[in-house]
Amino acid sequence: MPIVFDLECRSAQHRFEGWFKSSDDYTRQQERGLVACPHCGSADVGKAVQAPRLARKGNQRSEAPTKAASSQPEPVPPAPAAPLPPQAIEVLQKLAVMQAEALKSSRFVGDSFAEDARAMHYGEREAESIHGRASVEQAKELIEEGIALTPLPFAVTPPEQAN
């Protein structure tokens, strides 16, 4: 089950949620500079301050603990990762701007990315700049067929899900 953290962009105080496989997954991604603000692209991101969990009063009934909760101890939150150097933040911000500009002249094709890329490569349809989703296996197959593709460094919200 994924874990959700409230995150905050330290450079512009943007708040957003981050979903991770585990606390360790968050820490690894943070250390590698892979956690970035979806609003401004800044990688100067950390966990947002949250209200602490308060112990219940003695006169309140508690719910029966679930099997998983009763058999496993509460995880210890990871130590905060060291902030990225300013030069790295600047590079990531520039990269985010470059990706946004490139996407303006590209058409989102969703899950049909591999199929559309093949059709253009083999001349079955007119070539154009597209972006979408492909599995790692699909990407490997496209590369083996000599079809050029580039993974995007930052996640893209599909147009139908954008506000």
N, C-alpha and C. Protein backbone atom coordinates (compact mmCIF):
# COMPACT_ATOMS: atom_id res chain seq x y z
N MET A 1 0.86 -1.18 0.00
CA MET A 1 0.00 0.00 0.00
C MET A 1 0.90 1.24 0.00
N PRO A 2 0.64 2.18 -0.88
CA PRO A 2 1.50 3.37 -0.94
C PRO A 2 1.34 4.24 0.30
N ILE A 3 2.35 5.05 0.51
CA ILE A 3 2.34 6.00 1.61
C ILE A 3 2.26 7.40 1.01
N VAL A 4 1.48 8.28 1.63
CA VAL A 4 1.28 9.63 1.12
C VAL A 4 1.91 10.61 2.10
N PHE A 5 2.76 11.49 1.57
CA PHE A 5 3.36 12.54 2.38
C PHE A 5 2.88 13.89 1.89
N ASP A 6 2.63 14.80 2.82
CA ASP A 6 2.40 16.20 2.46
C ASP A 6 3.78 16.80 2.28
N LEU A 7 4.03 17.34 1.09
CA LEU A 7 5.35 17.91 0.77
C LEU A 7 5.22 19.40 0.55
N GLU A 8 6.34 20.09 0.71
CA GLU A 8 6.34 21.54 0.53
C GLU A 8 7.57 21.96 -0.24
N CYS A 9 7.36 22.80 -1.23
CA CYS A 9 8.44 23.41 -2.00
C CYS A 9 9.02 24.52 -1.13
N ARG A 10 10.27 24.40 -0.76
CA ARG A 10 10.88 25.38 0.15
C ARG A 10 11.14 26.72 -0.52
N SER A 11 11.30 26.72 -1.85
CA SER A 11 11.60 27.98 -2.52
C SER A 11 10.37 28.85 -2.73
N ALA A 12 9.18 28.24 -2.89
CA ALA A 12 7.97 29.03 -3.14
C ALA A 12 6.81 28.66 -2.21
N GLN A 13 7.05 27.78 -1.26
CA GLN A 13 6.04 27.33 -0.28
C GLN A 13 4.81 26.69 -0.93
N HIS A 14 4.98 26.07 -2.10
CA HIS A 14 3.88 25.31 -2.68
C HIS A 14 3.72 24.02 -1.87
N ARG A 15 2.48 23.63 -1.59
CA ARG A 15 2.21 22.39 -0.87
C ARG A 15 1.54 21.41 -1.83
N PHE A 16 1.92 20.14 -1.72
CA PHE A 16 1.35 19.10 -2.57
C PHE A 16 1.58 17.76 -1.92
N GLU A 17 0.88 16.74 -2.44
CA GLU A 17 1.03 15.38 -1.94
C GLU A 17 2.03 14.62 -2.79
N GLY A 18 2.76 13.72 -2.16
CA GLY A 18 3.64 12.81 -2.87
C GLY A 18 3.31 11.39 -2.45
N TRP A 19 3.13 10.50 -3.41
CA TRP A 19 2.81 9.10 -3.14
C TRP A 19 4.06 8.27 -3.39
N PHE A 20 4.41 7.42 -2.43
CA PHE A 20 5.62 6.61 -2.52
C PHE A 20 5.30 5.19 -2.07
N LYS A 21 6.13 4.25 -2.52
CA LYS A 21 5.94 2.85 -2.14
C LYS A 21 6.19 2.66 -0.65
N SER A 22 7.12 3.45 -0.09
CA SER A 22 7.47 3.33 1.33
C SER A 22 8.23 4.58 1.74
N SER A 23 8.50 4.69 3.02
CA SER A 23 9.32 5.81 3.51
C SER A 23 10.72 5.74 2.92
N ASP A 24 11.24 4.52 2.79
CA ASP A 24 12.57 4.35 2.19
C ASP A 24 12.58 4.79 0.74
N ASP A 25 11.49 4.50 0.01
CA ASP A 25 11.39 4.92 -1.39
C ASP A 25 11.44 6.45 -1.48
N TYR A 26 10.70 7.12 -0.59
CA TYR A 26 10.74 8.59 -0.56
C TYR A 26 12.18 9.07 -0.32
N THR A 27 12.83 8.49 0.68
CA THR A 27 14.20 8.92 1.02
C THR A 27 15.15 8.72 -0.16
N ARG A 28 15.06 7.56 -0.81
CA ARG A 28 15.94 7.29 -1.97
C ARG A 28 15.69 8.30 -3.09
N GLN A 29 14.42 8.56 -3.39
CA GLN A 29 14.11 9.51 -4.46
C GLN A 29 14.57 10.92 -4.09
N GLN A 30 14.39 11.29 -2.84
CA GLN A 30 14.81 12.62 -2.37
C GLN A 30 16.33 12.76 -2.49
N GLU A 31 17.07 11.75 -2.07
CA GLU A 31 18.54 11.80 -2.14
C GLU A 31 19.03 11.90 -3.57
N ARG A 32 18.30 11.31 -4.52
CA ARG A 32 18.70 11.34 -5.93
C ARG A 32 18.18 12.58 -6.65
N GLY A 33 17.45 13.45 -5.93
CA GLY A 33 16.94 14.68 -6.55
C GLY A 33 15.75 14.44 -7.46
N LEU A 34 15.01 13.36 -7.24
CA LEU A 34 13.90 13.02 -8.11
C LEU A 34 12.56 13.58 -7.64
N VAL A 35 12.52 14.15 -6.44
CA VAL A 35 11.28 14.73 -5.93
C VAL A 35 11.31 16.22 -6.25
N ALA A 36 10.36 16.67 -7.06
CA ALA A 36 10.33 18.07 -7.49
C ALA A 36 8.92 18.64 -7.34
N CYS A 37 8.84 19.93 -7.17
CA CYS A 37 7.56 20.63 -7.02
C CYS A 37 6.82 20.59 -8.36
N PRO A 38 5.57 20.11 -8.38
CA PRO A 38 4.83 20.07 -9.64
C PRO A 38 4.39 21.45 -10.12
N HIS A 39 4.46 22.44 -9.22
CA HIS A 39 4.03 23.79 -9.58
C HIS A 39 5.14 24.59 -10.25
N CYS A 40 6.37 24.50 -9.69
CA CYS A 40 7.45 25.33 -10.23
C CYS A 40 8.68 24.53 -10.66
N GLY A 41 8.69 23.22 -10.40
CA GLY A 41 9.81 22.38 -10.82
C GLY A 41 10.99 22.37 -9.87
N SER A 42 10.93 23.12 -8.79
CA SER A 42 12.03 23.17 -7.83
C SER A 42 12.23 21.82 -7.17
N ALA A 43 13.47 21.41 -7.01
CA ALA A 43 13.77 20.16 -6.31
C ALA A 43 14.06 20.42 -4.83
N ASP A 44 13.93 21.66 -4.40
CA ASP A 44 14.13 22.01 -2.99
C ASP A 44 12.82 21.74 -2.27
N VAL A 45 12.56 20.44 -2.05
CA VAL A 45 11.28 19.97 -1.53
C VAL A 45 11.55 19.14 -0.28
N GLY A 46 10.67 19.26 0.70
CA GLY A 46 10.77 18.46 1.91
C GLY A 46 9.39 18.15 2.43
N LYS A 47 9.34 17.33 3.47
CA LYS A 47 8.06 17.02 4.08
C LYS A 47 7.52 18.26 4.76
N ALA A 48 6.23 18.50 4.57
CA ALA A 48 5.58 19.66 5.19
C ALA A 48 5.31 19.35 6.66
N VAL A 49 5.28 20.39 7.46
CA VAL A 49 4.97 20.24 8.88
C VAL A 49 3.51 19.82 8.99
N GLN A 50 3.26 18.79 9.77
CA GLN A 50 1.91 18.28 9.95
C GLN A 50 1.56 18.28 11.43
N ALA A 51 0.28 18.30 11.71
CA ALA A 51 -0.16 18.23 13.10
C ALA A 51 0.22 16.87 13.67
N PRO A 52 0.70 16.84 14.90
CA PRO A 52 1.09 15.57 15.50
C PRO A 52 -0.13 14.72 15.83
N ARG A 53 0.09 13.42 15.89
CA ARG A 53 -0.98 12.54 16.34
C ARG A 53 -1.07 12.66 17.86
N LEU A 54 -2.27 12.86 18.35
CA LEU A 54 -2.46 13.01 19.78
C LEU A 54 -3.00 11.71 20.35
N ALA A 55 -2.54 11.38 21.55
CA ALA A 55 -3.03 10.17 22.21
C ALA A 55 -4.49 10.38 22.59
N ARG A 56 -5.26 9.31 22.54
CA ARG A 56 -6.66 9.43 22.90
C ARG A 56 -6.81 9.53 24.40
N LYS A 57 -7.92 10.09 24.81
CA LYS A 57 -8.22 10.21 26.24
C LYS A 57 -8.63 8.85 26.76
N GLY A 58 -8.48 8.65 28.04
CA GLY A 58 -8.80 7.37 28.66
C GLY A 58 -10.25 6.99 28.54
N ASN A 59 -11.16 7.97 28.39
CA ASN A 59 -12.58 7.65 28.32
C ASN A 59 -13.09 7.45 26.90
N GLN A 60 -12.19 7.45 25.90
CA GLN A 60 -12.59 7.24 24.52
C GLN A 60 -12.34 5.79 24.13
N ARG A 61 -13.31 5.21 23.41
CA ARG A 61 -13.12 3.84 22.94
C ARG A 61 -12.22 3.84 21.72
N SER A 62 -11.38 2.87 21.65
CA SER A 62 -10.53 2.76 20.46
C SER A 62 -11.11 1.69 19.55
N GLU A 63 -10.82 1.83 18.28
CA GLU A 63 -11.25 0.82 17.32
C GLU A 63 -10.34 -0.38 17.49
N ALA A 64 -10.86 -1.54 17.15
CA ALA A 64 -10.04 -2.75 17.23
C ALA A 64 -8.90 -2.64 16.25
N PRO A 65 -7.67 -2.90 16.68
CA PRO A 65 -6.54 -2.78 15.75
C PRO A 65 -6.63 -3.82 14.66
N THR A 66 -6.20 -3.44 13.47
CA THR A 66 -6.17 -4.40 12.37
C THR A 66 -5.03 -5.36 12.58
N LYS A 67 -5.07 -6.47 11.88
CA LYS A 67 -4.04 -7.48 12.02
C LYS A 67 -2.66 -6.91 11.67
N ALA A 68 -2.59 -6.14 10.57
CA ALA A 68 -1.31 -5.55 10.15
C ALA A 68 -0.81 -4.55 11.18
N ALA A 69 -1.72 -3.74 11.71
CA ALA A 69 -1.32 -2.71 12.65
C ALA A 69 -0.85 -3.32 13.97
N SER A 70 -1.50 -4.41 14.40
CA SER A 70 -1.14 -4.99 15.67
C SER A 70 0.14 -5.81 15.60
N SER A 71 0.48 -6.33 14.43
CA SER A 71 1.65 -7.19 14.33
C SER A 71 2.93 -6.46 13.94
N GLN A 72 2.80 -5.20 13.50
CA GLN A 72 3.98 -4.47 13.07
C GLN A 72 4.11 -3.17 13.84
N PRO A 73 5.33 -2.81 14.23
CA PRO A 73 5.52 -1.54 14.94
C PRO A 73 5.33 -0.36 14.00
N GLU A 74 5.04 0.80 14.56
CA GLU A 74 4.88 2.05 13.79
C GLU A 74 6.22 2.39 13.13
N PRO A 75 6.25 2.68 11.82
CA PRO A 75 7.53 2.99 11.16
C PRO A 75 8.11 4.31 11.68
N VAL A 76 9.42 4.35 11.73
CA VAL A 76 10.11 5.57 12.15
C VAL A 76 10.32 6.42 10.91
N PRO A 77 9.92 7.72 10.94
CA PRO A 77 10.11 8.54 9.75
C PRO A 77 11.59 8.71 9.44
N PRO A 78 11.94 8.77 8.15
CA PRO A 78 13.35 8.91 7.77
C PRO A 78 13.87 10.30 8.13
N ALA A 79 15.17 10.37 8.31
CA ALA A 79 15.80 11.67 8.57
C ALA A 79 15.69 12.51 7.30
N PRO A 80 15.51 13.82 7.45
CA PRO A 80 15.39 14.66 6.25
C PRO A 80 16.66 14.59 5.41
N ALA A 81 16.47 14.57 4.10
CA ALA A 81 17.60 14.54 3.18
C ALA A 81 18.23 15.93 3.11
N ALA A 82 19.51 15.95 2.85
CA ALA A 82 20.20 17.23 2.70
C ALA A 82 19.67 17.95 1.47
N PRO A 83 19.51 19.27 1.57
CA PRO A 83 19.01 20.01 0.41
C PRO A 83 19.99 19.95 -0.75
N LEU A 84 19.45 20.08 -1.94
CA LEU A 84 20.30 20.08 -3.13
C LEU A 84 21.07 21.39 -3.21
N PRO A 85 22.23 21.35 -3.82
CA PRO A 85 22.97 22.59 -4.02
C PRO A 85 22.20 23.52 -4.95
N PRO A 86 22.36 24.83 -4.82
CA PRO A 86 21.63 25.79 -5.66
C PRO A 86 21.81 25.54 -7.15
N GLN A 87 22.99 25.09 -7.57
CA GLN A 87 23.22 24.83 -8.99
C GLN A 87 22.32 23.70 -9.49
N ALA A 88 22.13 22.67 -8.66
CA ALA A 88 21.27 21.54 -9.06
C ALA A 88 19.82 22.00 -9.15
N ILE A 89 19.40 22.81 -8.22
CA ILE A 89 18.03 23.34 -8.25
C ILE A 89 17.82 24.16 -9.51
N GLU A 90 18.80 24.98 -9.85
CA GLU A 90 18.69 25.82 -11.05
C GLU A 90 18.59 24.95 -12.30
N VAL A 91 19.40 23.90 -12.38
CA VAL A 91 19.36 23.01 -13.54
C VAL A 91 17.99 22.32 -13.64
N LEU A 92 17.46 21.85 -12.52
CA LEU A 92 16.16 21.19 -12.53
C LEU A 92 15.04 22.15 -12.93
N GLN A 93 15.12 23.39 -12.46
CA GLN A 93 14.12 24.38 -12.84
C GLN A 93 14.18 24.67 -14.34
N LYS A 94 15.38 24.80 -14.88
CA LYS A 94 15.53 25.04 -16.32
C LYS A 94 15.02 23.84 -17.13
N LEU A 95 15.30 22.65 -16.63
CA LEU A 95 14.84 21.44 -17.29
C LEU A 95 13.31 21.38 -17.29
N ALA A 96 12.68 21.76 -16.19
CA ALA A 96 11.22 21.77 -16.11
C ALA A 96 10.63 22.77 -17.12
N VAL A 97 11.25 23.92 -17.25
CA VAL A 97 10.78 24.93 -18.21
C VAL A 97 10.95 24.40 -19.63
N MET A 98 12.10 23.78 -19.92
CA MET A 98 12.34 23.22 -21.26
C MET A 98 11.31 22.15 -21.60
N GLN A 99 11.00 21.28 -20.62
CA GLN A 99 10.00 20.24 -20.87
C GLN A 99 8.65 20.87 -21.14
N ALA A 100 8.26 21.87 -20.35
CA ALA A 100 6.96 22.53 -20.54
C ALA A 100 6.87 23.16 -21.93
N GLU A 101 7.94 23.78 -22.38
CA GLU A 101 7.95 24.40 -23.72
C GLU A 101 7.84 23.33 -24.81
N ALA A 102 8.56 22.24 -24.65
CA ALA A 102 8.53 21.17 -25.65
C ALA A 102 7.13 20.55 -25.74
N LEU A 103 6.46 20.41 -24.60
CA LEU A 103 5.14 19.79 -24.60
C LEU A 103 4.09 20.67 -25.27
N LYS A 104 4.34 21.97 -25.35
CA LYS A 104 3.38 22.86 -26.02
C LYS A 104 3.22 22.51 -27.50
N SER A 105 4.28 21.99 -28.10
CA SER A 105 4.22 21.65 -29.53
C SER A 105 4.12 20.14 -29.74
N SER A 106 3.68 19.42 -28.71
CA SER A 106 3.55 17.98 -28.78
C SER A 106 2.12 17.59 -28.43
N ARG A 107 1.65 16.49 -29.01
CA ARG A 107 0.29 16.04 -28.77
C ARG A 107 0.31 14.86 -27.80
N PHE A 108 -0.55 14.90 -26.78
CA PHE A 108 -0.66 13.81 -25.81
C PHE A 108 -1.47 12.69 -26.43
N VAL A 109 -0.89 11.47 -26.45
CA VAL A 109 -1.58 10.31 -27.03
C VAL A 109 -1.89 9.23 -25.99
N GLY A 110 -1.56 9.51 -24.73
CA GLY A 110 -1.89 8.57 -23.66
C GLY A 110 -1.21 7.23 -23.82
N ASP A 111 -2.01 6.15 -23.60
CA ASP A 111 -1.47 4.80 -23.62
C ASP A 111 -1.17 4.28 -25.03
N SER A 112 -1.55 5.03 -26.06
CA SER A 112 -1.29 4.57 -27.43
C SER A 112 0.07 5.07 -27.94
N PHE A 113 0.93 5.55 -27.02
CA PHE A 113 2.22 6.10 -27.43
C PHE A 113 3.02 5.11 -28.29
N ALA A 114 3.21 3.88 -27.82
CA ALA A 114 4.03 2.91 -28.55
C ALA A 114 3.43 2.63 -29.93
N GLU A 115 2.13 2.44 -29.99
CA GLU A 115 1.45 2.17 -31.26
C GLU A 115 1.61 3.35 -32.23
N ASP A 116 1.40 4.57 -31.73
CA ASP A 116 1.52 5.76 -32.58
C ASP A 116 2.96 5.98 -33.04
N ALA A 117 3.92 5.77 -32.15
CA ALA A 117 5.33 5.95 -32.52
C ALA A 117 5.72 4.96 -33.62
N ARG A 118 5.26 3.72 -33.50
CA ARG A 118 5.54 2.72 -34.53
C ARG A 118 4.93 3.12 -35.87
N ALA A 119 3.68 3.56 -35.84
CA ALA A 119 2.99 3.93 -37.08
C ALA A 119 3.72 5.05 -37.79
N MET A 120 4.21 6.03 -37.04
CA MET A 120 4.97 7.13 -37.66
C MET A 120 6.30 6.63 -38.19
N HIS A 121 6.97 5.79 -37.42
CA HIS A 121 8.29 5.27 -37.82
C HIS A 121 8.21 4.47 -39.12
N TYR A 122 7.16 3.69 -39.27
CA TYR A 122 7.02 2.85 -40.45
C TYR A 122 6.23 3.52 -41.57
N GLY A 123 5.97 4.82 -41.44
CA GLY A 123 5.33 5.58 -42.50
C GLY A 123 3.84 5.33 -42.67
N GLU A 124 3.21 4.74 -41.67
CA GLU A 124 1.78 4.45 -41.75
C GLU A 124 0.93 5.68 -41.43
N ARG A 125 1.57 6.68 -40.86
CA ARG A 125 0.88 7.94 -40.59
C ARG A 125 1.91 9.06 -40.57
N GLU A 126 1.42 10.27 -40.67
CA GLU A 126 2.31 11.42 -40.74
C GLU A 126 3.06 11.61 -39.41
N ALA A 127 4.33 11.95 -39.51
CA ALA A 127 5.15 12.15 -38.31
C ALA A 127 4.76 13.46 -37.62
N GLU A 128 4.74 13.41 -36.30
CA GLU A 128 4.48 14.59 -35.48
C GLU A 128 5.12 14.36 -34.11
N SER A 129 5.21 15.40 -33.35
CA SER A 129 5.76 15.30 -32.00
C SER A 129 4.64 14.85 -31.07
N ILE A 130 4.86 13.70 -30.39
CA ILE A 130 3.84 13.16 -29.48
C ILE A 130 4.47 12.86 -28.12
N HIS A 131 3.64 12.78 -27.10
CA HIS A 131 4.06 12.29 -25.80
C HIS A 131 2.91 11.50 -25.20
N GLY A 132 3.25 10.54 -24.34
CA GLY A 132 2.23 9.70 -23.73
C GLY A 132 2.88 8.72 -22.78
N ARG A 133 2.20 7.61 -22.54
CA ARG A 133 2.69 6.61 -21.59
C ARG A 133 3.10 5.34 -22.33
N ALA A 134 4.19 4.76 -21.85
CA ALA A 134 4.65 3.47 -22.36
C ALA A 134 5.30 2.72 -21.21
N SER A 135 5.11 1.42 -21.18
CA SER A 135 5.77 0.61 -20.15
C SER A 135 7.26 0.51 -20.48
N VAL A 136 8.03 0.08 -19.52
CA VAL A 136 9.47 -0.11 -19.76
C VAL A 136 9.67 -1.13 -20.87
N GLU A 137 8.86 -2.19 -20.86
CA GLU A 137 8.97 -3.21 -21.90
C GLU A 137 8.67 -2.62 -23.28
N GLN A 138 7.62 -1.81 -23.39
CA GLN A 138 7.28 -1.18 -24.67
C GLN A 138 8.40 -0.25 -25.12
N ALA A 139 8.97 0.51 -24.20
CA ALA A 139 10.06 1.43 -24.55
C ALA A 139 11.26 0.66 -25.08
N LYS A 140 11.60 -0.46 -24.42
CA LYS A 140 12.73 -1.28 -24.88
C LYS A 140 12.48 -1.82 -26.29
N GLU A 141 11.25 -2.26 -26.54
CA GLU A 141 10.91 -2.78 -27.87
C GLU A 141 11.04 -1.69 -28.93
N LEU A 142 10.57 -0.48 -28.62
CA LEU A 142 10.68 0.63 -29.57
C LEU A 142 12.15 0.92 -29.88
N ILE A 143 12.98 0.96 -28.86
CA ILE A 143 14.41 1.23 -29.05
C ILE A 143 15.05 0.14 -29.90
N GLU A 144 14.70 -1.13 -29.63
CA GLU A 144 15.23 -2.25 -30.42
C GLU A 144 14.84 -2.15 -31.88
N GLU A 145 13.68 -1.55 -32.16
CA GLU A 145 13.22 -1.37 -33.54
C GLU A 145 13.84 -0.13 -34.18
N GLY A 146 14.66 0.60 -33.43
CA GLY A 146 15.30 1.79 -33.97
C GLY A 146 14.43 3.04 -33.90
N ILE A 147 13.41 3.01 -33.08
CA ILE A 147 12.50 4.15 -32.93
C ILE A 147 13.01 5.03 -31.79
N ALA A 148 13.31 6.27 -32.12
CA ALA A 148 13.87 7.19 -31.12
C ALA A 148 12.77 7.64 -30.16
N LEU A 149 13.10 7.62 -28.88
CA LEU A 149 12.20 8.14 -27.86
C LEU A 149 13.03 8.65 -26.69
N THR A 150 12.45 9.54 -25.93
CA THR A 150 13.14 10.11 -24.78
C THR A 150 12.18 10.14 -23.61
N PRO A 151 12.55 9.54 -22.48
CA PRO A 151 11.68 9.63 -21.31
C PRO A 151 11.67 11.06 -20.78
N LEU A 152 10.51 11.52 -20.35
CA LEU A 152 10.41 12.87 -19.80
C LEU A 152 10.91 12.87 -18.35
N PRO A 153 11.67 13.88 -17.97
CA PRO A 153 12.22 13.89 -16.61
C PRO A 153 11.17 14.15 -15.53
N PHE A 154 10.08 14.83 -15.88
CA PHE A 154 9.05 15.15 -14.90
C PHE A 154 7.72 14.56 -15.35
N ALA A 155 6.91 14.12 -14.40
CA ALA A 155 5.61 13.55 -14.71
C ALA A 155 4.73 14.57 -15.42
N VAL A 156 3.88 14.07 -16.31
CA VAL A 156 2.98 14.92 -17.08
C VAL A 156 1.55 14.55 -16.71
N THR A 157 0.75 15.55 -16.40
CA THR A 157 -0.67 15.33 -16.12
C THR A 157 -1.41 15.25 -17.44
N PRO A 158 -2.16 14.14 -17.67
CA PRO A 158 -2.94 14.05 -18.90
C PRO A 158 -3.91 15.22 -19.01
N PRO A 159 -4.15 15.74 -20.21
CA PRO A 159 -5.02 16.90 -20.39
C PRO A 159 -6.39 16.74 -19.74
N GLU A 160 -6.96 15.54 -19.80
CA GLU A 160 -8.30 15.33 -19.22
C GLU A 160 -8.30 15.39 -17.70
N GLN A 161 -7.12 15.31 -17.08
CA GLN A 161 -7.04 15.38 -15.62
C GLN A 161 -6.54 16.74 -15.13
N ALA A 162 -6.13 17.59 -16.03
CA ALA A 162 -5.61 18.91 -15.63
C ALA A 162 -6.76 19.81 -15.21
N ASN A 163 -6.48 20.69 -14.26
CA ASN A 163 -7.51 21.64 -13.80
C ASN A 163 -7.69 22.73 -14.80
